[in-house]
C-alpha atoms as a PDB file:
ATOM      1  CA  MET A   1      15.205  27.711  16.355  1.00  0.00           C
ATOM      2  CA  ALA A   2      17.933  29.923  17.620  1.00  0.00           C
ATOM      3  CA  GLN A   3      21.267  28.217  17.585  1.00  0.00           C
ATOM      4  CA  SER A   4      23.415  28.381  20.591  1.00  0.00           C
ATOM      5  CA  THR A   5      26.880  29.928  20.348  1.00  0.00           C
ATOM      6  CA  LYS A   6      28.416  27.527  22.584  1.00  0.00           C
ATOM      7  CA  LYS A   7      29.684  24.540  20.828  1.00  0.00           C
ATOM      8  CA  ARG A   8      30.709  21.029  22.114  1.00  0.00           C
ATOM      9  CA  ARG A   9      33.297  18.757  20.279  1.00  0.00           C
ATOM     10  CA  VAL A  10      32.100  15.308  19.555  1.00  0.00           C
ATOM     11  CA  ASN A  11      33.763  12.409  17.536  1.00  0.00           C
ATOM     12  CA  LEU A  12      31.699  10.688  15.013  1.00  0.00           C
ATOM     13  CA  TYR A  13      32.163   7.532  13.111  1.00  0.00           C
ATOM     14  CA  LEU A  14      30.696   7.164   9.778  1.00  0.00           C
ATOM     15  CA  ASP A  15      30.715   4.744   6.937  1.00  0.00           C
ATOM     16  CA  GLU A  16      33.271   6.039   4.460  1.00  0.00           C
ATOM     17  CA  ASP A  17      30.693   6.428   1.772  1.00  0.00           C
ATOM     18  CA  VAL A  18      28.533   8.600   3.954  1.00  0.00           C
ATOM     19  CA  TYR A  19      31.482  10.694   4.742  1.00  0.00           C
ATOM     20  CA  TYR A  20      32.248  11.295   1.129  1.00  0.00           C
ATOM     21  CA  VAL A  21      28.878  12.194   0.182  1.00  0.00           C
ATOM     22  CA  PHE A  22      28.761  14.863   2.868  1.00  0.00           C
ATOM     23  CA  LYS A  23      32.220  16.107   1.951  1.00  0.00           C
ATOM     24  CA  THR A  24      31.040  16.579  -1.574  1.00  0.00           C
ATOM     25  CA  MET A  25      27.761  18.273  -0.633  1.00  0.00           C
ATOM     26  CA  ALA A  26      29.774  20.605   1.529  1.00  0.00           C
ATOM     27  CA  ALA A  27      32.262  21.468  -1.402  1.00  0.00           C
ATOM     28  CA  VAL A  28      29.317  21.727  -3.832  1.00  0.00           C
ATOM     29  CA  GLU A  29      27.302  24.274  -1.495  1.00  0.00           C
ATOM     30  CA  LYS A  30      30.605  25.851  -0.309  1.00  0.00           C
ATOM     31  CA  ARG A  31      29.686  25.256   3.289  1.00  0.00           C
ATOM     32  CA  ARG A  32      31.601  23.666   6.163  1.00  0.00           C
ATOM     33  CA  LEU A  33      31.048  19.965   6.708  1.00  0.00           C
ATOM     34  CA  ASN A  34      30.478  20.633  10.300  1.00  0.00           C
ATOM     35  CA  ASP A  35      27.440  22.870   9.223  1.00  0.00           C
ATOM     36  CA  LEU A  36      25.958  20.174   7.217  1.00  0.00           C
ATOM     37  CA  PHE A  37      26.162  17.684   9.974  1.00  0.00           C
ATOM     38  CA  SER A  38      24.573  20.108  12.426  1.00  0.00           C
ATOM     39  CA  GLU A  39      21.890  20.776  10.087  1.00  0.00           C
ATOM     40  CA  ALA A  40      21.147  17.253   9.570  1.00  0.00           C
ATOM     41  CA  ILE A  41      21.156  16.308  13.246  1.00  0.00           C
ATOM     42  CA  MET A  42      18.937  19.223  13.991  1.00  0.00           C
ATOM     43  CA  GLU A  43      16.349  18.019  11.333  1.00  0.00           C
ATOM     44  CA  TYR A  44      16.422  14.533  12.582  1.00  0.00           C
ATOM     45  CA  ALA A  45      15.828  15.652  16.120  1.00  0.00           C
ATOM     46  CA  LYS A  46      12.972  17.971  14.999  1.00  0.00           C
ATOM     47  CA  ARG A  47      11.461  15.060  13.114  1.00  0.00           C
ATOM     48  CA  LYS A  48      11.757  12.547  16.044  1.00  0.00           C
ATOM     49  CA  GLY A  49      10.489  15.191  18.321  1.00  0.00           C
ATOM     50  CA  GLU A  50       7.210  15.506  16.230  1.00  0.00           C
ATOM     51  CA  GLU A  51       6.822  11.819  15.955  1.00  0.00           C
ATOM     52  CA  ILE A  52       7.278  11.533  20.003  1.00  0.00           C
ATOM     53  CA  LYS A  53       4.762  14.368  20.497  1.00  0.00           C
ATOM     54  CA  LYS A  54       2.180  12.438  18.214  1.00  0.00           C
ATOM     55  CA  MET A  55       2.512   9.228  20.283  1.00  0.00           C
ATOM     56  CA  MET A  56       2.358  10.895  23.398  1.00  0.00           C
ATOM     57  CA  ASP A  57      -1.014  12.669  22.304  1.00  0.00           C
ATOM     58  CA  ALA A  58      -2.382   9.261  21.238  1.00  0.00           C
ATOM     59  CA  VAL A  59      -1.443   7.674  24.527  1.00  0.00           C
ATOM     60  CA  SER A  60      -3.052  10.620  26.478  1.00  0.00           C
ATOM     61  CA  LYS A  61      -6.296  10.077  24.424  1.00  0.00           C
ATOM     62  CA  ILE A  62      -6.515   6.448  25.208  1.00  0.00           C
ATOM     63  CA  VAL A  63      -5.738   6.999  29.049  1.00  0.00           C
ATOM     64  CA  SER A  64      -8.240   9.722  29.187  1.00  0.00           C
END
Protein backbone atom coordinates (compact mmCIF):
# COMPACT_ATOMS: atom_id res chain seq x y z
CA MET A 1 0.00 0.00 0.00
CA ALA A 2 1.40 3.39 -0.97
CA GLN A 3 1.78 5.73 1.93
CA SER A 4 0.42 9.23 1.69
CA THR A 5 2.92 12.02 2.12
CA LYS A 6 0.30 14.14 3.86
CA LYS A 7 0.27 13.55 7.61
CA ARG A 8 -2.31 14.46 10.22
CA ARG A 9 -1.47 15.02 13.87
CA VAL A 10 -3.46 12.99 16.40
CA ASN A 11 -3.34 12.67 20.17
CA LEU A 12 -3.25 9.19 21.58
CA TYR A 13 -3.61 8.03 25.17
CA LEU A 14 -1.91 4.73 25.97
CA ASP A 15 -1.36 2.70 29.07
CA GLU A 16 2.10 3.52 30.33
CA ASP A 17 3.32 -0.06 29.92
CA VAL A 18 2.21 -0.15 26.27
CA TYR A 19 4.00 3.13 25.63
CA TYR A 20 7.24 1.83 27.12
CA VAL A 21 7.05 -1.38 25.10
CA PHE A 22 6.77 0.64 21.87
CA LYS A 23 9.44 3.11 23.04
CA THR A 24 11.83 0.22 23.70
CA MET A 25 11.04 -1.42 20.36
CA ALA A 26 11.73 1.86 18.57
CA ALA A 27 15.09 2.22 20.28
CA VAL A 28 16.12 -1.38 19.59
CA GLU A 29 15.04 -1.18 15.94
CA LYS A 30 16.46 2.35 15.55
CA ARG A 31 13.12 3.59 14.25
CA ARG A 32 10.87 6.48 15.11
CA LEU A 33 8.09 5.78 17.58
CA ASN A 34 5.63 7.35 15.15
CA ASP A 35 6.64 4.85 12.46
CA LEU A 36 5.93 1.91 14.77
CA PHE A 37 2.51 3.29 15.70
CA SER A 38 1.66 3.94 12.04
CA GLU A 39 2.71 0.43 11.07
CA ALA A 40 0.69 -1.14 13.89
CA ILE A 41 -2.41 0.87 12.98
CA MET A 42 -2.11 -0.02 9.27
CA GLU A 43 -1.74 -3.73 10.09
CA TYR A 44 -4.81 -3.56 12.34
CA ALA A 45 -6.83 -1.79 9.63
CA LYS A 46 -5.73 -4.35 7.03
CA ARG A 47 -6.72 -7.27 9.28
CA LYS A 48 -10.09 -5.71 10.14
CA GLY A 49 -10.72 -4.94 6.47
CA GLU A 50 -10.16 -8.59 5.58
CA GLU A 51 -12.52 -9.69 8.37
CA ILE A 52 -15.22 -7.28 7.21
CA LYS A 53 -14.87 -8.47 3.59
CA LYS A 54 -15.29 -12.12 4.70
CA MET A 55 -18.41 -11.19 6.69
CA MET A 56 -19.87 -9.27 3.75
CA ASP A 57 -19.16 -12.21 1.41
CA ALA A 58 -20.90 -14.60 3.82
CA VAL A 59 -23.92 -12.31 4.12
CA SER A 60 -24.21 -11.92 0.34
CA LYS A 61 -24.16 -15.75 -0.05
CA ILE A 62 -26.99 -16.04 2.47
CA VAL A 63 -29.04 -13.27 0.84
CA SER A 64 -28.56 -14.59 -2.74
